[in-house]
């Protein structure tokens, strides 16, 4: 049925994670990325 342990883990993860949790994870990753890169950008601008 599954060719590898990785396939089994992905299948198990899909069953336990709701679509709402998946979207929330991506939104949080986006916010953290914007804050991180925005902070780096502002830090560089302040050094100039």
Protein backbone atom coordinates (compact mmCIF):
# COMPACT_ATOMS: atom_id res chain seq x y z
CA UNK A 1 0.00 0.00 0.00
CA UNK A 2 2.74 2.50 0.97
CA UNK A 3 6.09 2.48 -0.76
CA UNK A 4 8.02 4.12 2.06
CA UNK A 5 7.81 5.29 5.63
CA UNK A 6 7.66 8.88 4.36
CA UNK A 7 4.49 8.10 2.40
CA UNK A 8 2.96 6.50 5.50
CA UNK A 9 3.83 9.53 7.63
CA UNK A 10 2.32 11.95 5.09
CA UNK A 11 -0.85 9.87 4.97
CA UNK A 12 -1.12 9.78 8.76
CA UNK A 13 -0.49 13.54 9.00
CA UNK A 14 -3.25 14.32 6.51
CA UNK A 15 -5.74 12.38 8.60
CA UNK A 16 -4.91 14.16 11.85
CA UNK A 17 -4.53 17.77 10.61
CA UNK A 18 -7.72 19.65 9.79
CA UNK A 19 -7.83 22.06 6.84
CA UNK A 20 -8.24 24.95 9.31
CA UNK A 21 -5.02 24.00 11.13
CA UNK A 22 -3.18 23.68 7.82
CA UNK A 23 -4.29 27.17 6.70
CA UNK A 24 -3.44 28.64 10.11
CA UNK A 25 0.06 27.14 9.90
CA UNK A 26 0.66 28.74 6.47
CA UNK A 27 -0.70 32.12 7.62
CA UNK A 28 1.54 32.09 10.69
CA UNK A 29 4.56 31.15 8.58
CA UNK A 30 3.77 34.08 6.27
CA UNK A 31 3.46 36.53 9.16
CA UNK A 32 6.72 35.35 10.72
CA UNK A 33 8.47 35.63 7.33
CA UNK A 34 7.21 39.17 6.78
CA UNK A 35 8.28 40.20 10.28
CA UNK A 36 11.70 38.61 9.88
CA UNK A 37 12.48 40.08 6.48
CA UNK A 38 10.87 43.40 7.39
CA UNK A 39 13.05 43.57 10.49
CA UNK A 40 16.17 42.80 8.47
CA UNK A 41 15.23 45.44 5.91
CA UNK A 42 14.56 48.08 8.55
CA UNK A 43 17.81 47.19 10.33
CA UNK A 44 19.78 47.68 7.14
CA UNK A 45 17.99 50.95 6.41
CA UNK A 46 18.81 52.24 9.90
CA UNK A 47 22.50 51.44 9.42
CA UNK A 48 22.72 53.60 6.29
